[in-house]
Amino acid sequence: MGIMQASSQKWTNTKNELRDGGSEGSNDWPAPPALPEPTPPMAKPGIMSRLSALAARIKTHKNYTTAIGYDLWLIGGEQKIDPSTWQPRLISYLQAGHPVIVWNKGKASAIEIWVDRTNSNNFELLSVNTKPNVTDLTPLPKGGSGALWKYKAIYHLGDQAVGHWSDIISVTVGV
């Protein structure tokens, strides 16, 4: 059994004994494992650039084949993007009283965000954005009277809406 695995088991046994009770053994924590000397040196900065250069060199070698590329993970499996399954996940926070609608772009071209400020499910277009996060700068309710604004969104790929509408989020403003 390896040094780290044995140490891990000692820590698990101690945790279990503290949690469940059991033998009235030692109240001492397990000693950290003694690692073999010498400790290997740290890798030099620039690992990814060196790895990329090595991959490029391998791919240009005269004996390189596609099978070798798959075996060395230089060629990944085909990834299929299915925009019909996309659904934005919206969250929000207030900045100077105005809602900021936070969203992740992913592979989408843009997002179409709709808002309902009347609480009657009469949504109207707020914005179509190509960069994440939208601040709703509509004037806030006057006199400290609060209002509930609701938002929903759908992704765009090119100029077309794709996927599913997001869940509706509600934001209390003006209080």
N, C-alpha and C. Protein backbone atom coordinates (compact mmCIF):
# COMPACT_ATOMS: atom_id res chain seq x y z
N MET A 1 0.85 -1.17 0.00
CA MET A 1 0.00 0.00 0.00
C MET A 1 0.90 1.23 0.00
N GLY A 2 0.51 2.25 -0.77
CA GLY A 2 1.31 3.46 -0.87
C GLY A 2 1.27 4.29 0.39
N ILE A 3 2.26 5.16 0.53
CA ILE A 3 2.38 6.01 1.71
C ILE A 3 1.13 6.89 1.88
N MET A 4 0.71 7.53 0.80
CA MET A 4 -0.42 8.44 0.87
C MET A 4 -1.72 7.67 1.14
N GLN A 5 -1.86 6.49 0.56
CA GLN A 5 -3.06 5.70 0.78
C GLN A 5 -3.15 5.25 2.24
N ALA A 6 -2.04 4.83 2.82
CA ALA A 6 -2.03 4.42 4.23
C ALA A 6 -2.37 5.60 5.13
N SER A 7 -1.79 6.76 4.84
CA SER A 7 -2.08 7.95 5.62
C SER A 7 -3.55 8.34 5.51
N SER A 8 -4.08 8.22 4.32
CA SER A 8 -5.50 8.54 4.08
C SER A 8 -6.39 7.64 4.93
N GLN A 9 -6.06 6.37 5.01
CA GLN A 9 -6.85 5.44 5.81
C GLN A 9 -6.77 5.79 7.29
N LYS A 10 -5.60 6.23 7.76
CA LYS A 10 -5.46 6.63 9.17
C LYS A 10 -6.35 7.84 9.47
N TRP A 11 -6.36 8.82 8.58
CA TRP A 11 -7.19 10.01 8.76
C TRP A 11 -8.68 9.64 8.72
N THR A 12 -9.06 8.74 7.83
CA THR A 12 -10.46 8.31 7.75
C THR A 12 -10.86 7.59 9.03
N ASN A 13 -10.00 6.72 9.54
CA ASN A 13 -10.30 6.02 10.79
C ASN A 13 -10.45 6.99 11.95
N THR A 14 -9.58 7.99 12.02
CA THR A 14 -9.66 9.00 13.09
C THR A 14 -10.96 9.77 12.98
N LYS A 15 -11.32 10.18 11.76
CA LYS A 15 -12.58 10.92 11.54
C LYS A 15 -13.77 10.07 11.97
N ASN A 16 -13.77 8.80 11.58
CA ASN A 16 -14.88 7.91 11.93
C ASN A 16 -14.99 7.72 13.44
N GLU A 17 -13.84 7.60 14.12
CA GLU A 17 -13.84 7.42 15.57
C GLU A 17 -14.35 8.68 16.26
N LEU A 18 -13.95 9.85 15.78
CA LEU A 18 -14.44 11.09 16.36
C LEU A 18 -15.94 11.25 16.14
N ARG A 19 -16.40 10.87 14.97
CA ARG A 19 -17.82 11.01 14.62
C ARG A 19 -18.68 10.00 15.36
N ASP A 20 -18.27 8.74 15.35
CA ASP A 20 -19.12 7.66 15.83
C ASP A 20 -18.78 7.17 17.24
N GLY A 21 -17.64 7.57 17.75
CA GLY A 21 -17.18 7.01 19.02
C GLY A 21 -16.49 5.69 18.74
N GLY A 22 -16.31 4.93 19.74
CA GLY A 22 -15.67 3.64 19.54
C GLY A 22 -14.60 3.43 20.57
N SER A 23 -13.50 2.86 20.14
CA SER A 23 -12.43 2.52 21.06
C SER A 23 -11.90 3.78 21.73
N GLU A 24 -11.47 3.63 22.95
CA GLU A 24 -10.89 4.75 23.69
C GLU A 24 -9.41 4.81 23.39
N GLY A 25 -9.11 4.97 22.14
CA GLY A 25 -7.71 5.01 21.72
C GLY A 25 -7.11 6.37 21.96
N SER A 26 -6.08 6.65 21.25
CA SER A 26 -5.33 7.89 21.39
C SER A 26 -6.16 9.06 20.89
N ASN A 27 -6.01 10.19 21.53
CA ASN A 27 -6.66 11.40 21.08
C ASN A 27 -5.76 12.19 20.14
N ASP A 28 -4.69 11.60 19.70
CA ASP A 28 -3.74 12.30 18.83
C ASP A 28 -4.19 12.20 17.38
N TRP A 29 -3.88 13.25 16.66
CA TRP A 29 -4.12 13.24 15.22
C TRP A 29 -3.07 12.36 14.56
N PRO A 30 -3.39 11.73 13.44
CA PRO A 30 -2.37 10.94 12.74
C PRO A 30 -1.22 11.84 12.28
N ALA A 31 -0.04 11.28 12.30
CA ALA A 31 1.14 12.03 11.85
C ALA A 31 1.08 12.17 10.33
N PRO A 32 1.53 13.29 9.81
CA PRO A 32 1.58 13.42 8.35
C PRO A 32 2.53 12.39 7.77
N PRO A 33 2.27 11.96 6.56
CA PRO A 33 3.13 10.93 5.97
C PRO A 33 4.53 11.46 5.71
N ALA A 34 5.50 10.59 5.88
CA ALA A 34 6.89 10.93 5.57
C ALA A 34 7.10 10.65 4.09
N LEU A 35 7.28 11.69 3.33
CA LEU A 35 7.45 11.53 1.89
C LEU A 35 8.88 11.17 1.56
N PRO A 36 9.08 10.37 0.53
CA PRO A 36 10.44 9.99 0.16
C PRO A 36 11.25 11.21 -0.29
N GLU A 37 12.52 11.16 -0.02
CA GLU A 37 13.43 12.24 -0.43
C GLU A 37 14.15 11.81 -1.69
N PRO A 38 14.57 12.62 -2.52
CA PRO A 38 14.33 14.05 -2.52
C PRO A 38 12.97 14.35 -3.16
N THR A 39 12.38 15.47 -2.78
CA THR A 39 11.13 15.91 -3.37
C THR A 39 11.42 16.37 -4.79
N PRO A 40 10.61 15.96 -5.75
CA PRO A 40 10.87 16.36 -7.13
C PRO A 40 10.79 17.88 -7.28
N PRO A 41 11.56 18.43 -8.20
CA PRO A 41 11.54 19.88 -8.39
C PRO A 41 10.22 20.34 -9.00
N MET A 42 9.88 21.59 -8.77
CA MET A 42 8.69 22.18 -9.37
C MET A 42 8.91 22.28 -10.87
N ALA A 43 7.82 22.19 -11.62
CA ALA A 43 7.90 22.36 -13.08
C ALA A 43 8.18 23.82 -13.39
N LYS A 44 8.91 24.06 -14.45
CA LYS A 44 9.22 25.43 -14.87
C LYS A 44 7.95 26.06 -15.46
N PRO A 45 7.79 27.37 -15.34
CA PRO A 45 6.65 28.05 -15.94
C PRO A 45 6.61 27.83 -17.46
N GLY A 46 5.42 27.84 -18.02
CA GLY A 46 5.27 27.68 -19.46
C GLY A 46 4.97 26.27 -19.89
N ILE A 47 4.32 25.50 -19.01
CA ILE A 47 4.02 24.10 -19.32
C ILE A 47 3.17 24.00 -20.59
N MET A 48 2.12 24.82 -20.70
CA MET A 48 1.20 24.71 -21.83
C MET A 48 1.89 25.05 -23.15
N SER A 49 2.74 26.06 -23.16
CA SER A 49 3.42 26.39 -24.42
C SER A 49 4.38 25.27 -24.82
N ARG A 50 5.06 24.66 -23.84
CA ARG A 50 5.95 23.53 -24.16
C ARG A 50 5.14 22.34 -24.65
N LEU A 51 3.99 22.09 -24.02
CA LEU A 51 3.14 20.98 -24.43
C LEU A 51 2.60 21.21 -25.84
N SER A 52 2.19 22.43 -26.14
CA SER A 52 1.69 22.75 -27.49
C SER A 52 2.78 22.57 -28.54
N ALA A 53 3.99 22.99 -28.21
CA ALA A 53 5.11 22.84 -29.15
C ALA A 53 5.40 21.36 -29.39
N LEU A 54 5.34 20.55 -28.33
CA LEU A 54 5.57 19.11 -28.48
C LEU A 54 4.48 18.49 -29.35
N ALA A 55 3.22 18.86 -29.11
CA ALA A 55 2.12 18.32 -29.91
C ALA A 55 2.29 18.69 -31.37
N ALA A 56 2.68 19.93 -31.65
CA ALA A 56 2.88 20.37 -33.03
C ALA A 56 4.02 19.58 -33.68
N ARG A 57 5.09 19.35 -32.92
CA ARG A 57 6.22 18.58 -33.46
C ARG A 57 5.80 17.15 -33.78
N ILE A 58 5.02 16.54 -32.88
CA ILE A 58 4.56 15.16 -33.11
C ILE A 58 3.68 15.10 -34.36
N LYS A 59 2.78 16.07 -34.51
CA LYS A 59 1.84 16.07 -35.65
C LYS A 59 2.54 16.26 -36.99
N THR A 60 3.71 16.88 -36.99
CA THR A 60 4.42 17.08 -38.26
C THR A 60 5.42 15.97 -38.56
N HIS A 61 5.57 15.02 -37.66
CA HIS A 61 6.51 13.92 -37.88
C HIS A 61 6.03 13.05 -39.05
N LYS A 62 6.96 12.51 -39.80
CA LYS A 62 6.61 11.73 -41.00
C LYS A 62 5.84 10.46 -40.68
N ASN A 63 6.00 9.90 -39.47
CA ASN A 63 5.30 8.67 -39.12
C ASN A 63 3.99 8.92 -38.36
N TYR A 64 3.61 10.16 -38.21
CA TYR A 64 2.38 10.50 -37.48
C TYR A 64 1.15 10.03 -38.26
N THR A 65 0.21 9.43 -37.52
CA THR A 65 -1.07 9.02 -38.12
C THR A 65 -2.21 9.54 -37.24
N THR A 66 -3.39 9.51 -37.80
CA THR A 66 -4.57 9.93 -37.04
C THR A 66 -4.75 9.04 -35.82
N ALA A 67 -4.48 7.76 -35.96
CA ALA A 67 -4.61 6.83 -34.82
C ALA A 67 -3.67 7.23 -33.69
N ILE A 68 -2.47 7.64 -34.04
CA ILE A 68 -1.52 8.10 -33.01
C ILE A 68 -2.08 9.35 -32.35
N GLY A 69 -2.65 10.24 -33.14
CA GLY A 69 -3.23 11.47 -32.60
C GLY A 69 -4.32 11.18 -31.58
N TYR A 70 -5.19 10.19 -31.89
CA TYR A 70 -6.23 9.82 -30.93
C TYR A 70 -5.63 9.16 -29.69
N ASP A 71 -4.63 8.29 -29.88
CA ASP A 71 -4.01 7.60 -28.74
C ASP A 71 -3.35 8.59 -27.78
N LEU A 72 -2.74 9.65 -28.31
CA LEU A 72 -2.04 10.63 -27.48
C LEU A 72 -2.94 11.79 -27.06
N TRP A 73 -4.22 11.70 -27.40
CA TRP A 73 -5.19 12.74 -27.09
C TRP A 73 -4.82 14.07 -27.75
N LEU A 74 -4.16 14.00 -28.90
CA LEU A 74 -3.88 15.20 -29.67
C LEU A 74 -5.08 15.54 -30.54
N ILE A 75 -5.92 14.55 -30.79
CA ILE A 75 -7.17 14.73 -31.51
C ILE A 75 -8.28 14.31 -30.56
N GLY A 76 -9.18 15.22 -30.28
CA GLY A 76 -10.27 14.90 -29.37
C GLY A 76 -11.43 14.28 -30.12
N GLY A 77 -12.36 13.76 -29.36
CA GLY A 77 -13.58 13.24 -29.96
C GLY A 77 -14.40 14.37 -30.55
N GLU A 78 -15.23 14.05 -31.50
CA GLU A 78 -16.07 15.05 -32.13
C GLU A 78 -17.10 15.56 -31.13
N GLN A 79 -17.20 16.88 -31.04
CA GLN A 79 -18.18 17.48 -30.15
C GLN A 79 -19.30 18.06 -30.98
N LYS A 80 -20.49 17.64 -30.68
CA LYS A 80 -21.66 18.15 -31.39
C LYS A 80 -22.35 19.17 -30.49
N ILE A 81 -22.60 20.32 -31.05
CA ILE A 81 -23.29 21.37 -30.33
C ILE A 81 -24.73 21.36 -30.79
N ASP A 82 -25.65 21.21 -29.86
CA ASP A 82 -27.07 21.16 -30.19
C ASP A 82 -27.77 22.38 -29.58
N PRO A 83 -27.88 23.46 -30.36
CA PRO A 83 -28.48 24.69 -29.84
C PRO A 83 -29.94 24.51 -29.41
N SER A 84 -30.60 23.47 -29.89
CA SER A 84 -32.01 23.28 -29.51
C SER A 84 -32.15 22.94 -28.03
N THR A 85 -31.06 22.58 -27.37
CA THR A 85 -31.12 22.25 -25.94
C THR A 85 -30.69 23.40 -25.05
N TRP A 86 -30.21 24.48 -25.64
CA TRP A 86 -29.69 25.60 -24.84
C TRP A 86 -30.81 26.27 -24.06
N GLN A 87 -30.51 26.65 -22.82
CA GLN A 87 -31.45 27.41 -22.00
C GLN A 87 -30.63 28.31 -21.08
N PRO A 88 -30.81 29.62 -21.21
CA PRO A 88 -30.05 30.54 -20.35
C PRO A 88 -30.42 30.35 -18.89
N ARG A 89 -29.46 30.60 -18.02
CA ARG A 89 -29.68 30.62 -16.58
C ARG A 89 -29.39 32.03 -16.12
N LEU A 90 -30.41 32.72 -15.67
CA LEU A 90 -30.27 34.11 -15.27
C LEU A 90 -30.16 34.22 -13.76
N ILE A 91 -29.32 35.14 -13.31
CA ILE A 91 -29.29 35.56 -11.92
C ILE A 91 -29.22 37.08 -11.94
N SER A 92 -29.46 37.70 -10.81
CA SER A 92 -29.44 39.16 -10.80
C SER A 92 -28.91 39.69 -9.48
N TYR A 93 -28.49 40.93 -9.53
CA TYR A 93 -28.14 41.68 -8.33
C TYR A 93 -28.44 43.14 -8.64
N LEU A 94 -28.50 43.98 -7.60
CA LEU A 94 -28.77 45.40 -7.79
C LEU A 94 -27.48 46.19 -7.75
N GLN A 95 -27.38 47.14 -8.66
CA GLN A 95 -26.25 48.06 -8.68
C GLN A 95 -26.84 49.46 -8.77
N ALA A 96 -26.64 50.26 -7.71
CA ALA A 96 -27.23 51.59 -7.59
C ALA A 96 -28.75 51.51 -7.77
N GLY A 97 -29.35 50.44 -7.26
CA GLY A 97 -30.79 50.26 -7.31
C GLY A 97 -31.32 49.61 -8.57
N HIS A 98 -30.50 49.55 -9.62
CA HIS A 98 -30.94 49.00 -10.90
C HIS A 98 -30.55 47.53 -11.01
N PRO A 99 -31.46 46.71 -11.57
CA PRO A 99 -31.14 45.29 -11.73
C PRO A 99 -30.04 45.06 -12.77
N VAL A 100 -29.11 44.20 -12.43
CA VAL A 100 -28.10 43.72 -13.38
C VAL A 100 -28.45 42.26 -13.62
N ILE A 101 -28.74 41.93 -14.88
CA ILE A 101 -29.09 40.56 -15.25
C ILE A 101 -27.81 39.88 -15.72
N VAL A 102 -27.43 38.84 -15.00
CA VAL A 102 -26.17 38.13 -15.25
C VAL A 102 -26.47 36.86 -16.03
N TRP A 103 -25.71 36.63 -17.09
CA TRP A 103 -25.88 35.45 -17.92
C TRP A 103 -24.55 35.03 -18.49
N ASN A 104 -24.47 33.76 -18.90
CA ASN A 104 -23.25 33.18 -19.46
C ASN A 104 -23.46 33.01 -20.96
N LYS A 105 -22.54 33.49 -21.76
CA LYS A 105 -22.69 33.46 -23.21
C LYS A 105 -22.53 32.06 -23.80
N GLY A 106 -21.56 31.30 -23.33
CA GLY A 106 -21.32 29.98 -23.91
C GLY A 106 -21.03 30.08 -25.39
N LYS A 107 -21.65 29.24 -26.20
CA LYS A 107 -21.45 29.22 -27.65
C LYS A 107 -22.46 30.10 -28.38
N ALA A 108 -23.36 30.74 -27.65
CA ALA A 108 -24.39 31.56 -28.27
C ALA A 108 -23.80 32.82 -28.88
N SER A 109 -24.49 33.39 -29.87
CA SER A 109 -24.08 34.65 -30.47
C SER A 109 -24.54 35.82 -29.62
N ALA A 110 -25.72 35.67 -29.02
CA ALA A 110 -26.30 36.76 -28.24
C ALA A 110 -27.39 36.20 -27.34
N ILE A 111 -28.00 37.09 -26.59
CA ILE A 111 -29.14 36.73 -25.75
C ILE A 111 -30.20 37.82 -25.92
N GLU A 112 -31.45 37.39 -25.90
CA GLU A 112 -32.60 38.29 -26.00
C GLU A 112 -33.26 38.29 -24.63
N ILE A 113 -33.30 39.44 -23.98
CA ILE A 113 -33.85 39.54 -22.63
C ILE A 113 -35.14 40.34 -22.67
N TRP A 114 -36.17 39.80 -22.01
CA TRP A 114 -37.47 40.43 -21.93
C TRP A 114 -37.78 40.75 -20.47
N VAL A 115 -38.58 41.81 -20.26
CA VAL A 115 -38.92 42.25 -18.91
C VAL A 115 -40.42 42.51 -18.80
N ASP A 116 -40.96 42.22 -17.61
CA ASP A 116 -42.34 42.54 -17.28
C ASP A 116 -42.30 43.40 -16.03
N ARG A 117 -42.63 44.69 -16.17
CA ARG A 117 -42.61 45.60 -15.03
C ARG A 117 -44.01 45.85 -14.47
N THR A 118 -45.04 45.22 -15.08
CA THR A 118 -46.42 45.44 -14.65
C THR A 118 -46.97 44.30 -13.82
N ASN A 119 -46.20 43.24 -13.69
CA ASN A 119 -46.60 42.04 -12.95
C ASN A 119 -47.86 41.40 -13.54
N SER A 120 -47.99 41.49 -14.88
CA SER A 120 -49.17 40.93 -15.54
C SER A 120 -48.80 39.99 -16.69
N ASN A 121 -47.57 39.52 -16.70
CA ASN A 121 -47.05 38.65 -17.75
C ASN A 121 -47.12 39.28 -19.13
N ASN A 122 -47.02 40.60 -19.18
CA ASN A 122 -46.90 41.33 -20.45
C ASN A 122 -45.43 41.69 -20.63
N PHE A 123 -44.67 40.74 -21.12
CA PHE A 123 -43.23 40.96 -21.29
C PHE A 123 -42.98 41.82 -22.52
N GLU A 124 -41.96 42.67 -22.41
CA GLU A 124 -41.51 43.49 -23.53
C GLU A 124 -40.00 43.35 -23.66
N LEU A 125 -39.53 43.55 -24.87
CA LEU A 125 -38.10 43.39 -25.14
C LEU A 125 -37.30 44.43 -24.36
N LEU A 126 -36.33 43.97 -23.60
CA LEU A 126 -35.41 44.86 -22.90
C LEU A 126 -34.16 45.09 -23.73
N SER A 127 -33.60 43.98 -24.25
CA SER A 127 -32.30 44.11 -24.91
C SER A 127 -31.94 42.83 -25.64
N VAL A 128 -31.15 42.98 -26.71
CA VAL A 128 -30.46 41.86 -27.33
C VAL A 128 -28.98 42.20 -27.20
N ASN A 129 -28.24 41.36 -26.47
CA ASN A 129 -26.85 41.67 -26.17
C ASN A 129 -25.93 40.55 -26.62
N THR A 130 -24.74 40.96 -27.06
CA THR A 130 -23.73 39.99 -27.46
C THR A 130 -22.68 39.79 -26.37
N LYS A 131 -22.68 40.65 -25.36
CA LYS A 131 -21.73 40.51 -24.25
C LYS A 131 -22.51 40.31 -22.96
N PRO A 132 -22.05 39.39 -22.10
CA PRO A 132 -22.78 39.08 -20.88
C PRO A 132 -22.99 40.29 -19.96
N ASN A 133 -24.10 40.16 -19.26
CA ASN A 133 -24.58 41.04 -18.21
C ASN A 133 -25.20 42.31 -18.79
N VAL A 134 -26.43 42.55 -18.38
CA VAL A 134 -27.23 43.66 -18.86
C VAL A 134 -27.76 44.42 -17.65
N THR A 135 -27.57 45.73 -17.63
CA THR A 135 -28.13 46.56 -16.57
C THR A 135 -29.40 47.22 -17.08
N ASP A 136 -30.50 47.04 -16.35
CA ASP A 136 -31.77 47.66 -16.71
C ASP A 136 -31.78 49.07 -16.11
N LEU A 137 -31.60 50.07 -16.96
CA LEU A 137 -31.51 51.45 -16.51
C LEU A 137 -32.85 52.19 -16.55
N THR A 138 -33.95 51.46 -16.66
CA THR A 138 -35.27 52.07 -16.61
C THR A 138 -35.41 52.82 -15.29
N PRO A 139 -36.01 54.03 -15.32
CA PRO A 139 -36.18 54.77 -14.05
C PRO A 139 -36.89 53.92 -13.00
N LEU A 140 -36.40 54.01 -11.78
CA LEU A 140 -36.93 53.22 -10.67
C LEU A 140 -38.23 53.85 -10.16
N PRO A 141 -39.09 53.07 -9.50
CA PRO A 141 -40.32 53.62 -8.93
C PRO A 141 -39.99 54.76 -7.95
N LYS A 142 -40.83 55.77 -7.94
CA LYS A 142 -40.62 56.96 -7.10
C LYS A 142 -41.08 56.73 -5.67
N GLY A 143 -40.53 57.53 -4.77
CA GLY A 143 -41.02 57.59 -3.39
C GLY A 143 -40.83 56.34 -2.56
N GLY A 144 -39.88 55.52 -2.89
CA GLY A 144 -39.61 54.34 -2.09
C GLY A 144 -40.65 53.24 -2.22
N SER A 145 -41.57 53.40 -3.19
CA SER A 145 -42.54 52.31 -3.40
C SER A 145 -41.88 51.22 -4.23
N GLY A 146 -41.86 50.05 -3.70
CA GLY A 146 -41.19 48.96 -4.39
C GLY A 146 -42.01 48.39 -5.53
N ALA A 147 -41.33 47.73 -6.42
CA ALA A 147 -41.98 47.06 -7.55
C ALA A 147 -41.26 45.75 -7.81
N LEU A 148 -41.98 44.81 -8.40
CA LEU A 148 -41.41 43.52 -8.75
C LEU A 148 -41.28 43.46 -10.27
N TRP A 149 -40.05 43.41 -10.75
CA TRP A 149 -39.79 43.29 -12.17
C TRP A 149 -39.37 41.86 -12.46
N LYS A 150 -39.89 41.31 -13.56
CA LYS A 150 -39.58 39.92 -13.93
C LYS A 150 -38.81 39.92 -15.24
N TYR A 151 -37.89 38.96 -15.36
CA TYR A 151 -37.05 38.86 -16.55
C TYR A 151 -37.04 37.42 -17.06
N LYS A 152 -36.96 37.28 -18.38
CA LYS A 152 -36.75 35.98 -19.01
C LYS A 152 -35.88 36.22 -20.23
N ALA A 153 -35.26 35.16 -20.74
CA ALA A 153 -34.33 35.32 -21.86
C ALA A 153 -34.29 34.06 -22.69
N ILE A 154 -33.81 34.24 -23.92
CA ILE A 154 -33.58 33.13 -24.82
C ILE A 154 -32.30 33.42 -25.60
N TYR A 155 -31.53 32.37 -25.89
CA TYR A 155 -30.28 32.55 -26.64
C TYR A 155 -30.54 32.78 -28.12
N HIS A 156 -29.57 33.39 -28.77
CA HIS A 156 -29.56 33.55 -30.23
C HIS A 156 -28.32 32.86 -30.78
N LEU A 157 -28.47 32.25 -31.94
CA LEU A 157 -27.35 31.75 -32.72
C LEU A 157 -27.49 32.43 -34.07
N GLY A 158 -26.54 33.29 -34.39
CA GLY A 158 -26.72 34.16 -35.54
C GLY A 158 -27.85 35.12 -35.22
N ASP A 159 -28.82 35.22 -36.11
CA ASP A 159 -29.97 36.11 -35.89
C ASP A 159 -31.21 35.38 -35.41
N GLN A 160 -31.10 34.09 -35.12
CA GLN A 160 -32.27 33.28 -34.76
C GLN A 160 -32.26 32.92 -33.28
N ALA A 161 -33.44 33.00 -32.65
CA ALA A 161 -33.60 32.51 -31.29
C ALA A 161 -33.51 30.99 -31.32
N VAL A 162 -32.81 30.42 -30.34
CA VAL A 162 -32.63 28.96 -30.29
C VAL A 162 -32.84 28.46 -28.86
N GLY A 163 -33.19 27.20 -28.76
CA GLY A 163 -33.28 26.55 -27.45
C GLY A 163 -34.57 26.86 -26.73
N HIS A 164 -34.46 26.98 -25.41
CA HIS A 164 -35.61 27.15 -24.54
C HIS A 164 -35.51 28.48 -23.79
N TRP A 165 -36.66 29.03 -23.42
CA TRP A 165 -36.67 30.23 -22.60
C TRP A 165 -36.11 29.90 -21.22
N SER A 166 -35.45 30.86 -20.64
CA SER A 166 -34.93 30.70 -19.28
C SER A 166 -36.10 30.65 -18.30
N ASP A 167 -35.81 30.24 -17.10
CA ASP A 167 -36.78 30.40 -16.03
C ASP A 167 -36.95 31.89 -15.78
N ILE A 168 -38.11 32.29 -15.35
CA ILE A 168 -38.37 33.71 -15.05
C ILE A 168 -37.77 34.03 -13.68
N ILE A 169 -37.02 35.13 -13.62
CA ILE A 169 -36.49 35.58 -12.33
C ILE A 169 -37.21 36.88 -11.95
N SER A 170 -37.38 37.09 -10.67
CA SER A 170 -38.04 38.29 -10.17
C SER A 170 -37.06 39.11 -9.35
N VAL A 171 -37.12 40.44 -9.56
CA VAL A 171 -36.22 41.35 -8.86
C VAL A 171 -37.06 42.45 -8.23
N THR A 172 -36.90 42.68 -6.93
CA THR A 172 -37.59 43.78 -6.26
C THR A 172 -36.73 45.03 -6.37
N VAL A 173 -37.33 46.10 -6.92
CA VAL A 173 -36.61 47.36 -7.12
C VAL A 173 -37.34 48.49 -6.40
N GLY A 174 -36.62 49.58 -6.13
CA GLY A 174 -37.22 50.79 -5.62
C GLY A 174 -37.54 50.80 -4.15
N VAL A 175 -36.96 49.92 -3.36
CA VAL A 175 -37.19 49.95 -1.92
C VAL A 175 -35.96 50.36 -1.19
